[in-house]
Amino acid sequence: MVHSDAGTLDAVFSALSDATRRDVLERLGRGGGLTVSELAQPHGMSLTGFMKHLRVLEEAGLVSRTKEGRIVRCALSPAPMQEAAVWLSHYEKFWAGRLDPAASAEAMVRPGRNIAPLLG
């Protein structure tokens, strides 16, 4: 059993469940510190709507903000993501062993194929 802060993991996985938030993390990972406006621009939503996404990322500890005069910059905070990666890696052997046979069975069953011989 992997021991970690369940609240942190819940917040991280919840934050990652949204495509907009995943995109923000990806952009921060590529470009370092970006302004809130730079991050919000490609998403075609109001700044108020985007700030809600940013708040979720901050509450999960994935993003930090710093203010330089009137400009607010965001940066990636890797520790919570590392904790989630450790939790996932603990179960990787289990999932890999379970998912590979399922993929093989799915490949064998195709529309129009007689599966009676496969069933014994």
C-alpha atoms as a PDB file:
ATOM      1  CA  MET A   1       0.000   0.000   0.000  1.00  0.00           C
ATOM      2  CA  VAL A   2       1.288   3.438  -0.924  1.00  0.00           C
ATOM      3  CA  HIS A   3       0.973   6.000   1.844  1.00  0.00           C
ATOM      4  CA  SER A   4       0.445   9.581   0.763  1.00  0.00           C
ATOM      5  CA  ASP A   5      -1.741  12.494   1.624  1.00  0.00           C
ATOM      6  CA  ALA A   6      -5.133  11.489   0.194  1.00  0.00           C
ATOM      7  CA  GLY A   7      -6.282  15.100   0.093  1.00  0.00           C
ATOM      8  CA  THR A   8      -3.306  16.080  -2.044  1.00  0.00           C
ATOM      9  CA  LEU A   9      -3.809  13.180  -4.437  1.00  0.00           C
ATOM     10  CA  ASP A  10      -7.535  13.911  -4.715  1.00  0.00           C
ATOM     11  CA  ALA A  11      -6.809  17.551  -5.516  1.00  0.00           C
ATOM     12  CA  VAL A  12      -4.137  16.670  -8.088  1.00  0.00           C
ATOM     13  CA  PHE A  13      -6.259  14.099  -9.905  1.00  0.00           C
ATOM     14  CA  SER A  14      -9.268  16.430  -9.818  1.00  0.00           C
ATOM     15  CA  ALA A  15      -7.173  19.248 -11.284  1.00  0.00           C
ATOM     16  CA  LEU A  16      -5.864  16.932 -14.009  1.00  0.00           C
ATOM     17  CA  SER A  17      -9.380  15.869 -14.983  1.00  0.00           C
ATOM     18  CA  ASP A  18      -9.911  19.034 -17.045  1.00  0.00           C
ATOM     19  CA  ALA A  19      -8.326  19.604 -20.491  1.00  0.00           C
ATOM     20  CA  THR A  20      -7.882  23.349 -19.921  1.00  0.00           C
ATOM     21  CA  ARG A  21      -5.944  22.748 -16.719  1.00  0.00           C
ATOM     22  CA  ARG A  22      -3.822  20.021 -18.324  1.00  0.00           C
ATOM     23  CA  ASP A  23      -2.975  22.446 -21.126  1.00  0.00           C
ATOM     24  CA  VAL A  24      -1.938  25.112 -18.608  1.00  0.00           C
ATOM     25  CA  LEU A  25       0.400  22.637 -16.907  1.00  0.00           C
ATOM     26  CA  GLU A  26       1.857  21.561 -20.237  1.00  0.00           C
ATOM     27  CA  ARG A  27       2.492  25.164 -21.302  1.00  0.00           C
ATOM     28  CA  LEU A  28       4.099  26.012 -17.974  1.00  0.00           C
ATOM     29  CA  GLY A  29       6.281  22.934 -18.278  1.00  0.00           C
ATOM     30  CA  ARG A  30       7.497  24.062 -21.695  1.00  0.00           C
ATOM     31  CA  GLY A  31       7.735  27.807 -21.225  1.00  0.00           C
ATOM     32  CA  GLY A  32       8.623  28.436 -17.620  1.00  0.00           C
ATOM     33  CA  GLY A  33       6.900  31.356 -15.927  1.00  0.00           C
ATOM     34  CA  LEU A  34       4.068  32.761 -18.018  1.00  0.00           C
ATOM     35  CA  THR A  35       1.663  35.566 -17.206  1.00  0.00           C
ATOM     36  CA  VAL A  36      -1.969  34.845 -16.438  1.00  0.00           C
ATOM     37  CA  SER A  37      -2.929  36.648 -19.659  1.00  0.00           C
ATOM     38  CA  GLU A  38      -0.513  34.517 -21.708  1.00  0.00           C
ATOM     39  CA  LEU A  39      -1.953  31.366 -20.185  1.00  0.00           C
ATOM     40  CA  ALA A  40      -5.587  32.450 -20.622  1.00  0.00           C
ATOM     41  CA  GLN A  41      -5.313  33.719 -24.217  1.00  0.00           C
ATOM     42  CA  PRO A  42      -5.577  30.430 -26.180  1.00  0.00           C
ATOM     43  CA  HIS A  43      -8.591  29.163 -24.235  1.00  0.00           C
ATOM     44  CA  GLY A  44     -11.218  31.564 -25.563  1.00  0.00           C
ATOM     45  CA  MET A  45     -12.878  32.213 -22.227  1.00  0.00           C
ATOM     46  CA  SER A  46     -13.266  35.193 -19.957  1.00  0.00           C
ATOM     47  CA  LEU A  47     -10.401  35.982 -17.614  1.00  0.00           C
ATOM     48  CA  THR A  48     -12.809  35.363 -14.717  1.00  0.00           C
ATOM     49  CA  GLY A  49     -13.596  31.878 -16.052  1.00  0.00           C
ATOM     50  CA  PHE A  50      -9.935  31.126 -16.597  1.00  0.00           C
ATOM     51  CA  MET A  51      -9.054  32.274 -13.065  1.00  0.00           C
ATOM     52  CA  LYS A  52     -11.333  29.539 -11.701  1.00  0.00           C
ATOM     53  CA  HIS A  53      -9.190  26.953 -13.492  1.00  0.00           C
ATOM     54  CA  LEU A  54      -6.029  28.591 -12.195  1.00  0.00           C
ATOM     55  CA  ARG A  55      -7.415  28.538  -8.650  1.00  0.00           C
ATOM     56  CA  VAL A  56      -8.022  24.769  -8.870  1.00  0.00           C
ATOM     57  CA  LEU A  57      -4.416  24.272  -9.984  1.00  0.00           C
ATOM     58  CA  GLU A  58      -3.151  26.467  -7.145  1.00  0.00           C
ATOM     59  CA  GLU A  59      -5.269  24.676  -4.533  1.00  0.00           C
ATOM     60  CA  ALA A  60      -3.804  21.362  -5.748  1.00  0.00           C
ATOM     61  CA  GLY A  61      -0.343  22.885  -5.307  1.00  0.00           C
ATOM     62  CA  LEU A  62       0.505  22.404  -8.981  1.00  0.00           C
ATOM     63  CA  VAL A  63       0.922  26.107  -9.781  1.00  0.00           C
ATOM     64  CA  SER A  64       2.252  29.086  -7.877  1.00  0.00           C
ATOM     65  CA  ARG A  65       1.732  32.768  -8.663  1.00  0.00           C
ATOM     66  CA  THR A  66       4.038  35.716  -8.113  1.00  0.00           C
ATOM     67  CA  LYS A  67       3.180  39.350  -8.620  1.00  0.00           C
ATOM     68  CA  GLU A  68       5.630  41.730 -10.272  1.00  0.00           C
ATOM     69  CA  GLY A  69       3.957  45.131 -10.158  1.00  0.00           C
ATOM     70  CA  ARG A  70       0.740  44.677 -12.120  1.00  0.00           C
ATOM     71  CA  ILE A  71       1.891  41.487 -13.810  1.00  0.00           C
ATOM     72  CA  VAL A  72       1.068  38.104 -12.296  1.00  0.00           C
ATOM     73  CA  ARG A  73       3.308  35.238 -13.358  1.00  0.00           C
ATOM     74  CA  CYS A  74       2.589  31.549 -12.889  1.00  0.00           C
ATOM     75  CA  ALA A  75       5.089  28.742 -12.431  1.00  0.00           C
ATOM     76  CA  LEU A  76       4.835  24.990 -12.231  1.00  0.00           C
ATOM     77  CA  SER A  77       5.213  23.401  -8.789  1.00  0.00           C
ATOM     78  CA  PRO A  78       6.310  19.803  -9.416  1.00  0.00           C
ATOM     79  CA  ALA A  79       6.049  18.237  -5.934  1.00  0.00           C
ATOM     80  CA  PRO A  80       2.320  17.281  -6.029  1.00  0.00           C
ATOM     81  CA  MET A  81       2.695  15.811  -9.520  1.00  0.00           C
ATOM     82  CA  GLN A  82       5.678  13.778  -8.332  1.00  0.00           C
ATOM     83  CA  GLU A  83       3.595  12.429  -5.450  1.00  0.00           C
ATOM     84  CA  ALA A  84       0.870  11.378  -7.901  1.00  0.00           C
ATOM     85  CA  ALA A  85       3.474   9.754 -10.170  1.00  0.00           C
ATOM     86  CA  VAL A  86       4.841   7.744  -7.231  1.00  0.00           C
ATOM     87  CA  TRP A  87       1.327   6.601  -6.347  1.00  0.00           C
ATOM     88  CA  LEU A  88       0.644   5.583  -9.969  1.00  0.00           C
ATOM     89  CA  SER A  89       3.983   3.807 -10.355  1.00  0.00           C
ATOM     90  CA  HIS A  90       3.190   1.609  -7.368  1.00  0.00           C
ATOM     91  CA  TYR A  91       0.194   0.185  -9.264  1.00  0.00           C
ATOM     92  CA  GLU A  92       1.792   0.137 -12.715  1.00  0.00           C
ATOM     93  CA  LYS A  93       2.756  -3.554 -12.582  1.00  0.00           C
ATOM     94  CA  PHE A  94      -0.785  -4.488 -11.590  1.00  0.00           C
ATOM     95  CA  TRP A  95      -2.376  -2.410 -14.366  1.00  0.00           C
ATOM     96  CA  ALA A  96       0.114  -3.478 -17.024  1.00  0.00           C
ATOM     97  CA  GLY A  97      -0.503  -7.135 -16.232  1.00  0.00           C
ATOM     98  CA  ARG A  98      -4.268  -6.697 -16.343  1.00  0.00           C
ATOM     99  CA  LEU A  99      -4.506  -4.436 -19.390  1.00  0.00           C
ATOM    100  CA  ASP A 100      -2.268  -6.342 -21.816  1.00  0.00           C
ATOM    101  CA  PRO A 101      -4.466  -9.500 -21.881  1.00  0.00           C
ATOM    102  CA  ALA A 102      -7.548  -7.317 -22.346  1.00  0.00           C
ATOM    103  CA  ALA A 103      -5.965  -5.648 -25.370  1.00  0.00           C
ATOM    104  CA  SER A 104      -5.138  -9.057 -26.844  1.00  0.00           C
ATOM    105  CA  ALA A 105      -8.706 -10.288 -26.374  1.00  0.00           C
ATOM    106  CA  GLU A 106     -10.113  -7.121 -27.918  1.00  0.00           C
ATOM    107  CA  ALA A 107      -7.885  -7.546 -30.971  1.00  0.00           C
ATOM    108  CA  MET A 108      -9.200 -11.100 -31.423  1.00  0.00           C
ATOM    109  CA  VAL A 109     -12.865 -10.065 -31.356  1.00  0.00           C
ATOM    110  CA  ARG A 110     -13.743  -8.038 -34.441  1.00  0.00           C
ATOM    111  CA  PRO A 111     -17.137  -7.350 -36.033  1.00  0.00           C
ATOM    112  CA  GLY A 112     -18.176 -10.151 -38.352  1.00  0.00           C
ATOM    113  CA  ARG A 113     -15.675 -12.637 -36.947  1.00  0.00           C
ATOM    114  CA  ASN A 114     -17.047 -15.938 -35.677  1.00  0.00           C
ATOM    115  CA  ILE A 115     -15.849 -16.128 -32.070  1.00  0.00           C
ATOM    116  CA  ALA A 116     -17.469 -19.504 -31.269  1.00  0.00           C
ATOM    117  CA  PRO A 117     -14.151 -21.391 -31.708  1.00  0.00           C
ATOM    118  CA  LEU A 118     -12.515 -18.954 -29.276  1.00  0.00           C
ATOM    119  CA  LEU A 119     -15.092 -19.719 -26.607  1.00  0.00           C
ATOM    120  CA  GLY A 120     -14.251 -23.424 -26.555  1.00  0.00           C
END
